[in-house]
Amino acid sequence: MILKTEAIVLKTFDFRETSRIATFFSRDYGKVSGVLKGIRRDPRKFGSSLERFSVNDIVYYQYRNSELHLISQCDLKEFYWPVRQDLKKSLAAHYVLDLVNGVMPLEDKNLQVYALVKDVLRSLQTAHDVNTMIYFFQVKILLYSGFKPHLDTCVKCRRPIKALARFSLNDGGLICGHCRITDSIVHYISPGTIASILHIEKNKWEKCLRLKLPRKVQQELKYTLNHFLMYHLGRKLKSAQYL
């Protein structure tokens, strides 16, 4: 079957002497991997150099019994040059790709995640506070991929929480002061941080960018989101250490 879609390059590596394998996150088919035969021998064969976080139009032959398909056409659409010229922004973009690659399963269409990644890459071009933007992205991708933490009420008794609460990585959400903690992977989180996460979840990307976060909230977001992601991924992303 021949398929055509728009896709973002997540990662690439050389394959044999003349080819390259690329993993894309596509608009219409989710995460797909394919081989571009002969691209290293003749780069002009394709209309793209397959740079990470570039947006391309791709055409590929989908093999039914394989996770690796044949990419017959790849044409560059967006390159995000201002992001590549700034080290901090470039590292942030690579972290976005690594997280998408780690969270999203193969060939599972998710238009919300696809639009989110393009929003982040576009916004990074003119961003002044890269770290805060990454917190927004982390909250959004957890929401859209189905991994969001439970923050509306206590995860055990479902009662509303209005004071300082405990966040349990094992239970995936908040635990009130009335309920027992059955695991040791917990930390305290303030009402301001909880409210910020809920605000980010409920609002569009453009409105989130206007949110100003106090330093204490930023510190709690960094600790909570990074540890929550690491716990559920089972590993720490290498690119996270540079942010």
Protein backbone atom coordinates (compact mmCIF):
# COMPACT_ATOMS: atom_id res chain seq x y z
CA MET A 1 0.00 0.00 0.00
CA ILE A 2 1.31 3.45 -0.95
CA LEU A 3 0.75 6.16 1.68
CA LYS A 4 1.44 9.89 1.66
CA THR A 5 1.60 12.19 4.67
CA GLU A 6 3.34 15.11 6.34
CA ALA A 7 5.89 14.04 8.93
CA ILE A 8 8.50 15.32 11.38
CA VAL A 9 11.91 13.61 11.46
CA LEU A 10 12.51 12.15 14.94
CA LYS A 11 15.81 10.36 14.34
CA THR A 12 17.96 8.79 11.62
CA PHE A 13 20.90 6.43 11.32
CA ASP A 14 22.96 5.05 8.47
CA PHE A 15 21.98 1.69 7.02
CA ARG A 16 24.47 -0.40 5.07
CA GLU A 17 26.69 1.53 2.66
CA THR A 18 24.29 3.79 0.78
CA SER A 19 21.00 4.03 2.70
CA ARG A 20 19.56 5.56 5.82
CA ILE A 21 16.77 4.57 8.19
CA ALA A 22 14.55 7.34 9.54
CA THR A 23 11.85 7.45 12.19
CA PHE A 24 9.12 10.01 11.57
CA PHE A 25 6.14 11.20 13.55
CA SER A 26 3.52 11.65 10.88
CA ARG A 27 0.28 13.60 10.84
CA ASP A 28 -1.88 10.79 9.47
CA TYR A 29 -0.25 7.54 10.63
CA GLY A 30 1.63 8.33 13.84
CA LYS A 31 5.20 7.14 14.34
CA VAL A 32 6.59 5.30 11.32
CA SER A 33 10.04 4.03 10.39
CA GLY A 34 11.39 3.49 6.93
CA VAL A 35 14.49 3.06 4.84
CA LEU A 36 15.56 5.62 2.21
CA LYS A 37 17.58 3.57 -0.25
CA GLY A 38 20.55 5.24 -1.91
CA ILE A 39 20.24 8.60 -0.13
CA ARG A 40 23.87 8.57 1.04
CA ARG A 41 25.20 7.71 -2.41
CA ASP A 42 23.03 10.30 -4.18
CA PRO A 43 21.58 12.97 -1.80
CA ARG A 44 19.77 14.60 -4.74
CA LYS A 45 17.54 11.53 -4.99
CA PHE A 46 15.38 13.03 -2.22
CA GLY A 47 14.27 16.61 -1.64
CA SER A 48 15.38 16.57 2.00
CA SER A 49 18.57 15.98 3.97
CA LEU A 50 16.53 14.35 6.78
CA GLU A 51 17.60 16.78 9.48
CA ARG A 52 16.01 16.14 12.88
CA PHE A 53 12.84 18.16 13.64
CA SER A 54 12.40 19.18 10.01
CA VAL A 55 8.91 18.77 8.52
CA ASN A 56 8.66 16.80 5.29
CA ASP A 57 6.13 15.41 2.84
CA ILE A 58 6.81 11.70 2.58
CA VAL A 59 5.53 8.88 0.39
CA TYR A 60 6.14 5.31 1.50
CA TYR A 61 5.28 1.74 0.70
CA GLN A 62 3.70 0.18 3.78
CA TYR A 63 4.73 -3.42 4.36
CA ARG A 64 2.08 -5.37 6.24
CA ASN A 65 4.45 -7.78 8.00
CA SER A 66 7.19 -5.33 8.94
CA GLU A 67 7.63 -2.25 11.12
CA LEU A 68 10.16 -0.92 8.60
CA HIS A 69 8.73 0.51 5.38
CA LEU A 70 10.24 1.81 2.13
CA ILE A 71 10.36 5.61 1.83
CA SER A 72 10.18 6.47 -1.87
CA GLN A 73 9.84 10.25 -1.57
CA CYS A 74 10.82 12.81 1.08
CA ASP A 75 10.51 16.54 0.37
CA LEU A 76 11.42 19.28 2.84
CA LYS A 77 8.63 21.67 3.96
CA GLU A 78 9.89 23.39 7.15
CA PHE A 79 13.41 23.59 8.58
CA TYR A 80 13.13 25.90 11.65
CA TRP A 81 16.46 27.59 10.98
CA PRO A 82 16.29 30.02 13.98
CA VAL A 83 16.05 27.02 16.33
CA ARG A 84 19.15 25.42 14.82
CA GLN A 85 21.17 28.61 15.26
CA ASP A 86 20.57 28.71 19.03
CA LEU A 87 22.13 25.93 21.15
CA LYS A 88 19.55 26.10 23.96
CA LYS A 89 16.63 26.02 21.54
CA SER A 90 18.18 23.22 19.51
CA LEU A 91 18.69 21.09 22.62
CA ALA A 92 15.07 21.75 23.61
CA ALA A 93 13.88 20.63 20.17
CA HIS A 94 15.91 17.42 20.45
CA TYR A 95 14.35 16.75 23.86
CA VAL A 96 10.87 17.21 22.35
CA LEU A 97 11.69 14.62 19.68
CA ASP A 98 13.15 12.16 22.19
CA LEU A 99 10.07 12.42 24.41
CA VAL A 100 7.67 11.92 21.50
CA ASN A 101 9.70 8.92 20.35
CA GLY A 102 9.66 7.46 23.88
CA VAL A 103 5.98 8.06 24.65
CA MET A 104 4.23 7.37 21.35
CA PRO A 105 3.79 3.80 20.05
CA LEU A 106 4.39 2.85 16.44
CA GLU A 107 1.70 3.67 13.88
CA ASP A 108 -0.76 5.16 16.37
CA LYS A 109 -2.27 8.33 14.85
CA ASN A 110 -2.49 11.27 17.26
CA LEU A 111 -3.32 14.60 15.67
CA GLN A 112 -3.13 16.43 19.00
CA VAL A 113 0.46 15.35 19.62
CA TYR A 114 1.42 16.12 16.01
CA ALA A 115 -0.04 19.64 16.22
CA LEU A 116 1.62 20.11 19.63
CA VAL A 117 5.09 19.29 18.29
CA LYS A 118 4.67 21.75 15.41
CA ASP A 119 3.41 24.40 17.87
CA VAL A 120 6.49 23.90 20.05
CA LEU A 121 8.94 24.05 17.13
CA ARG A 122 7.27 27.16 15.75
CA SER A 123 7.23 28.87 19.17
CA LEU A 124 10.87 27.98 19.88
CA GLN A 125 11.94 30.19 16.99
CA THR A 126 11.08 33.35 18.96
CA ALA A 127 11.07 31.98 22.54
CA HIS A 128 12.77 33.85 25.39
CA ASP A 129 12.06 31.33 28.17
CA VAL A 130 12.81 27.91 26.73
CA ASN A 131 12.58 26.00 30.01
CA THR A 132 9.05 27.18 30.77
CA MET A 133 7.96 26.23 27.26
CA ILE A 134 9.28 22.73 27.83
CA TYR A 135 7.18 22.44 31.03
CA PHE A 136 4.11 23.39 28.97
CA PHE A 137 5.04 20.75 26.40
CA GLN A 138 5.53 18.05 29.05
CA VAL A 139 2.10 18.71 30.56
CA LYS A 140 0.43 18.70 27.14
CA ILE A 141 2.02 15.51 25.83
CA LEU A 142 1.14 13.67 29.05
CA LEU A 143 -2.45 14.81 28.53
CA TYR A 144 -2.68 13.94 24.82
CA SER A 145 -0.90 10.58 25.10
CA GLY A 146 -3.06 9.34 27.98
CA PHE A 147 -0.41 9.45 30.71
CA LYS A 148 -1.68 12.56 32.52
CA PRO A 149 -1.37 12.52 36.35
CA HIS A 150 -4.55 12.68 38.44
CA LEU A 151 -4.66 16.17 39.93
CA ASP A 152 -8.35 17.09 40.29
CA THR A 153 -8.90 15.11 43.49
CA CYS A 154 -7.14 12.63 45.78
CA VAL A 155 -6.29 9.57 43.71
CA LYS A 156 -7.38 7.29 46.59
CA CYS A 157 -10.53 8.79 48.13
CA ARG A 158 -11.49 11.24 45.34
CA ARG A 159 -11.94 14.12 47.79
CA PRO A 160 -10.97 17.63 46.59
CA ILE A 161 -7.53 18.87 47.64
CA LYS A 162 -7.15 22.53 48.53
CA ALA A 163 -3.94 22.53 50.59
CA LEU A 164 -0.38 21.29 50.22
CA ALA A 165 -0.62 17.77 48.82
CA ARG A 166 1.59 14.76 48.29
CA PHE A 167 2.29 13.59 44.76
CA SER A 168 2.72 9.83 44.34
CA LEU A 169 4.62 8.56 41.30
CA ASN A 170 3.42 5.02 41.93
CA ASP A 171 -0.27 6.01 42.17
CA GLY A 172 0.01 8.60 39.42
CA GLY A 173 -1.49 11.56 41.23
CA LEU A 174 -2.23 13.48 44.41
CA ILE A 175 -2.84 11.95 47.84
CA CYS A 176 -4.64 13.96 50.50
CA GLY A 177 -3.65 14.18 54.17
CA HIS A 178 -6.39 11.72 55.20
CA CYS A 179 -5.13 8.79 53.11
CA ARG A 180 -2.23 6.46 53.82
CA ILE A 181 0.79 6.38 51.55
CA THR A 182 1.69 2.86 50.45
CA ASP A 183 4.90 3.70 48.61
CA SER A 184 7.95 5.84 49.28
CA ILE A 185 8.08 7.63 45.91
CA VAL A 186 6.23 10.77 46.99
CA HIS A 187 6.93 14.48 47.32
CA TYR A 188 4.97 17.56 48.30
CA ILE A 189 3.46 19.83 45.67
CA SER A 190 1.87 23.24 46.26
CA PRO A 191 -1.64 24.37 45.22
CA GLY A 192 -0.07 26.94 42.86
CA THR A 193 1.76 24.23 40.92
CA ILE A 194 -1.34 22.04 40.75
CA ALA A 195 -3.38 24.99 39.47
CA SER A 196 -0.72 25.75 36.84
CA ILE A 197 -0.77 22.18 35.50
CA LEU A 198 -4.58 22.17 35.32
CA HIS A 199 -4.51 25.55 33.53
CA ILE A 200 -2.04 24.23 30.95
CA GLU A 201 -4.14 21.10 30.41
CA LYS A 202 -7.36 23.04 29.82
CA ASN A 203 -6.11 25.85 27.56
CA LYS A 204 -4.80 26.10 24.01
CA TRP A 205 -1.06 26.39 23.36
CA GLU A 206 -1.15 30.11 22.52
CA LYS A 207 -2.88 30.94 25.82
CA CYS A 208 -0.45 28.77 27.79
CA LEU A 209 2.45 30.82 26.42
CA ARG A 210 1.03 33.89 28.17
CA LEU A 211 1.13 32.19 31.57
CA LYS A 212 3.81 33.57 33.92
CA LEU A 213 5.14 31.03 36.41
CA PRO A 214 6.69 32.01 39.77
CA ARG A 215 10.14 30.54 40.41
CA LYS A 216 8.81 28.15 43.09
CA VAL A 217 6.22 26.78 40.65
CA GLN A 218 8.88 26.33 37.96
CA GLN A 219 11.07 24.37 40.38
CA GLU A 220 8.18 22.12 41.42
CA LEU A 221 7.12 21.58 37.81
CA LYS A 222 10.64 20.60 36.81
CA TYR A 223 10.95 18.09 39.64
CA THR A 224 7.44 16.64 39.33
CA LEU A 225 7.23 16.36 35.54
CA ASN A 226 10.75 15.03 35.01
CA HIS A 227 10.39 12.38 37.71
CA PHE A 228 6.89 11.41 36.56
CA LEU A 229 8.09 10.95 32.98
CA MET A 230 11.20 9.06 34.03
CA TYR A 231 9.10 6.76 36.24
CA HIS A 232 6.66 5.87 33.46
CA LEU A 233 9.26 5.63 30.68
CA GLY A 234 11.48 3.48 32.88
CA ARG A 235 14.53 5.55 31.98
CA LYS A 236 15.87 9.09 31.83
CA LEU A 237 16.14 10.68 28.43
CA LYS A 238 19.75 11.64 27.69
CA SER A 239 18.70 14.95 26.17
CA ALA A 240 16.95 15.98 29.43
CA GLN A 241 20.27 16.57 31.18
CA TYR A 242 21.07 19.54 28.91
CA LEU A 243 17.90 21.50 29.73
